[in-house]
C-alpha atoms as a PDB file:
ATOM      1  CA  MET A   1      12.301  -1.814  -2.976  1.00  0.00           C
ATOM      2  CA  ASP A   2       9.329  -3.095  -0.618  1.00  0.00           C
ATOM      3  CA  GLU A   3       6.302  -4.665  -1.932  1.00  0.00           C
ATOM      4  CA  ASP A   4       4.179  -1.547  -1.355  1.00  0.00           C
ATOM      5  CA  ILE A   5       6.419   0.693  -3.692  1.00  0.00           C
ATOM      6  CA  ASP A   6       5.869   0.773  -7.355  1.00  0.00           C
ATOM      7  CA  VAL A   7       9.364   1.182  -8.725  1.00  0.00           C
ATOM      8  CA  MET A   8       7.829   2.542 -12.046  1.00  0.00           C
ATOM      9  CA  ASP A   9       6.081   5.310 -10.133  1.00  0.00           C
ATOM     10  CA  LEU A  10       8.416   8.126  -9.566  1.00  0.00           C
ATOM     11  CA  ASN A  11       6.057   9.597  -6.709  1.00  0.00           C
ATOM     12  CA  ASP A  12       6.256   6.198  -4.771  1.00  0.00           C
ATOM     13  CA  VAL A  13      10.022   6.245  -5.214  1.00  0.00           C
ATOM     14  CA  VAL A  14      10.574   9.674  -3.980  1.00  0.00           C
ATOM     15  CA  TRP A  15       8.134   9.094  -1.179  1.00  0.00           C
ATOM     16  CA  ALA A  16      10.229   6.045  -0.093  1.00  0.00           C
ATOM     17  CA  MET A  17      13.422   8.018  -0.258  1.00  0.00           C
ATOM     18  CA  SER A  18      11.879  10.609   1.908  1.00  0.00           C
ATOM     19  CA  THR A  19      10.539   8.374   4.533  1.00  0.00           C
ATOM     20  CA  ARG A  20      12.629   5.321   4.526  1.00  0.00           C
ATOM     21  CA  SER A  21      16.213   6.521   4.183  1.00  0.00           C
ATOM     22  CA  ASP A  22      18.751   8.312   6.398  1.00  0.00           C
ATOM     23  CA  PRO A  23      21.239   9.881   4.420  1.00  0.00           C
ATOM     24  CA  VAL A  24      24.284   8.988   6.620  1.00  0.00           C
ATOM     25  CA  GLU A  25      23.304   5.386   6.552  1.00  0.00           C
ATOM     26  CA  SER A  26      21.492   4.947   3.507  1.00  0.00           C
ATOM     27  CA  ILE A  27      23.606   6.396   0.582  1.00  0.00           C
ATOM     28  CA  ASP A  28      26.775   4.989  -0.699  1.00  0.00           C
ATOM     29  CA  ILE A  29      28.905   6.879  -3.309  1.00  0.00           C
ATOM     30  CA  ILE A  30      30.765   4.850  -5.959  1.00  0.00           C
ATOM     31  CA  LYS A  31      33.489   6.967  -7.554  1.00  0.00           C
ATOM     32  CA  ARG A  32      34.808   6.493 -11.091  1.00  0.00           C
ATOM     33  CA  ALA A  33      31.951   4.179 -12.202  1.00  0.00           C
ATOM     34  CA  TRP A  34      32.022   3.106 -15.933  1.00  0.00           C
ATOM     35  CA  SER A  35      29.943   5.669 -17.959  1.00  0.00           C
ATOM     36  CA  GLY A  36      28.993   6.244 -21.649  1.00  0.00           C
ATOM     37  CA  PRO A  37      30.426   8.814 -23.740  1.00  0.00           C
ATOM     38  CA  LEU A  38      27.150  10.677 -24.065  1.00  0.00           C
ATOM     39  CA  ASP A  39      26.716  11.676 -20.451  1.00  0.00           C
ATOM     40  CA  PRO A  40      26.577  15.589 -20.767  1.00  0.00           C
ATOM     41  CA  ARG A  41      27.691  15.839 -16.825  1.00  0.00           C
ATOM     42  CA  ILE A  42      31.221  14.506 -17.420  1.00  0.00           C
ATOM     43  CA  PRO A  43      33.836  16.899 -18.540  1.00  0.00           C
ATOM     44  CA  LYS A  44      35.413  15.979 -21.805  1.00  0.00           C
ATOM     45  CA  ASP A  45      38.732  15.274 -20.300  1.00  0.00           C
ATOM     46  CA  ARG A  46      37.055  12.769 -17.920  1.00  0.00           C
ATOM     47  CA  LYS A  47      34.870  10.855 -20.458  1.00  0.00           C
ATOM     48  CA  GLY A  48      34.368   7.325 -19.452  1.00  0.00           C
ATOM     49  CA  HIS A  49      33.721   7.518 -15.696  1.00  0.00           C
ATOM     50  CA  ASN A  50      31.352   9.282 -13.258  1.00  0.00           C
ATOM     51  CA  SER A  51      30.141   8.748  -9.787  1.00  0.00           C
ATOM     52  CA  ARG A  52      27.004   7.077  -8.561  1.00  0.00           C
ATOM     53  CA  ALA A  53      24.917   7.257  -5.680  1.00  0.00           C
ATOM     54  CA  ILE A  54      23.194   4.251  -4.394  1.00  0.00           C
ATOM     55  CA  ILE A  55      20.271   4.861  -1.900  1.00  0.00           C
ATOM     56  CA  ASP A  56      18.606   2.148   0.181  1.00  0.00           C
ATOM     57  CA  ALA A  57      15.046   3.329   0.734  1.00  0.00           C
ATOM     58  CA  THR A  58      13.537   0.014   1.853  1.00  0.00           C
ATOM     59  CA  ARG A  59      12.323  -0.811   5.184  1.00  0.00           C
ATOM     60  CA  PRO A  60      15.086  -1.521   7.550  1.00  0.00           C
ATOM     61  CA  PHE A  61      15.374  -5.396   7.681  1.00  0.00           C
ATOM     62  CA  GLU A  62      16.256  -5.832  11.317  1.00  0.00           C
ATOM     63  CA  TRP A  63      13.151  -4.090  12.428  1.00  0.00           C
ATOM     64  CA  ARG A  64      10.815  -4.860   9.570  1.00  0.00           C
ATOM     65  CA  ALA A  65       8.215  -6.405  11.790  1.00  0.00           C
ATOM     66  CA  ASP A  66       8.041  -3.373  13.752  1.00  0.00           C
ATOM     67  CA  PHE A  67       8.218  -0.737  10.902  1.00  0.00           C
ATOM     68  CA  PRO A  68       5.178   1.452  11.014  1.00  0.00           C
ATOM     69  CA  PRO A  69       2.383   0.397   8.489  1.00  0.00           C
ATOM     70  CA  VAL A  70       1.766   2.591   5.402  1.00  0.00           C
ATOM     71  CA  ASN A  71      -1.228   4.700   5.712  1.00  0.00           C
ATOM     72  CA  THR A  72      -2.627   5.127   2.280  1.00  0.00           C
ATOM     73  CA  PRO A  73      -6.098   5.404   0.970  1.00  0.00           C
ATOM     74  CA  SER A  74      -7.759   2.553  -0.932  1.00  0.00           C
ATOM     75  CA  ALA A  75      -7.791   2.602  -4.577  1.00  0.00           C
ATOM     76  CA  GLU A  76     -11.522   3.404  -4.462  1.00  0.00           C
ATOM     77  CA  VAL A  77     -10.944   6.424  -2.028  1.00  0.00           C
ATOM     78  CA  LYS A  78      -8.290   7.787  -4.610  1.00  0.00           C
ATOM     79  CA  ARG A  79     -10.520   7.439  -7.495  1.00  0.00           C
ATOM     80  CA  LYS A  80     -13.386   9.514  -5.707  1.00  0.00           C
ATOM     81  CA  ALA A  81     -10.976  12.068  -4.576  1.00  0.00           C
ATOM     82  CA  LYS A  82      -9.627  12.459  -8.032  1.00  0.00           C
ATOM     83  CA  GLU A  83     -13.259  12.532  -9.279  1.00  0.00           C
ATOM     84  CA  LYS A  84     -14.251  15.314  -6.752  1.00  0.00           C
ATOM     85  CA  PHE A  85     -11.172  17.294  -6.683  1.00  0.00           C
ATOM     86  CA  GLY A  86      -9.277  16.471  -9.818  1.00  0.00           C
ATOM     87  CA  TYR A  87      -9.990  19.905 -11.147  1.00  0.00           C
ATOM     88  CA  LEU A  88      -7.329  21.236  -8.669  1.00  0.00           C
ATOM     89  CA  LEU A  89      -4.761  18.932 -10.269  1.00  0.00           C
ATOM     90  CA  ARG A  90      -5.628  20.217 -13.821  1.00  0.00           C
ATOM     91  CA  ASN A  91      -5.491  23.790 -12.699  1.00  0.00           C
ATOM     92  CA  GLU A  92      -8.934  24.450 -13.545  1.00  0.00           C
ATOM     93  CA  PRO A  93     -11.593  26.587 -12.040  1.00  0.00           C
ATOM     94  CA  HIS A  94     -14.091  25.164  -9.457  1.00  0.00           C
ATOM     95  CA  PRO A  95     -16.793  23.336 -11.256  1.00  0.00           C
ATOM     96  CA  SER A  96     -19.414  25.791  -9.672  1.00  0.00           C
ATOM     97  CA  ASP A  97     -17.595  28.991 -10.677  1.00  0.00           C
ATOM     98  CA  GLY A  98     -19.730  30.952 -12.865  1.00  0.00           C
ATOM     99  CA  LYS A  99     -22.888  29.014 -12.022  1.00  0.00           C
ATOM    100  CA  LEU A 100     -25.716  30.624  -9.910  1.00  0.00           C
ATOM    101  CA  SER A 101     -26.828  28.568  -6.943  1.00  0.00           C
END
């Protein structure tokens, strides 16, 4: 992954997959890859193997210098937005609801 993506953050990974990969060029399928016996997706008669998708969600190397910069708010702007609008993420009523103004 690229240095601007936190591979431990699922939102970052899905964003990179959505914006940096082209399904035709970026996804490879490996058939009959080794798998463990606990994989519930594999039929009992085929235990031991499954398929895997490898998705290249990195910036294209050949035009990395021309790839558009990531437009993201700073950590401080994110903090302020969560402070002001976090009630929306928590599915809570607006702080002014029920108050007379």
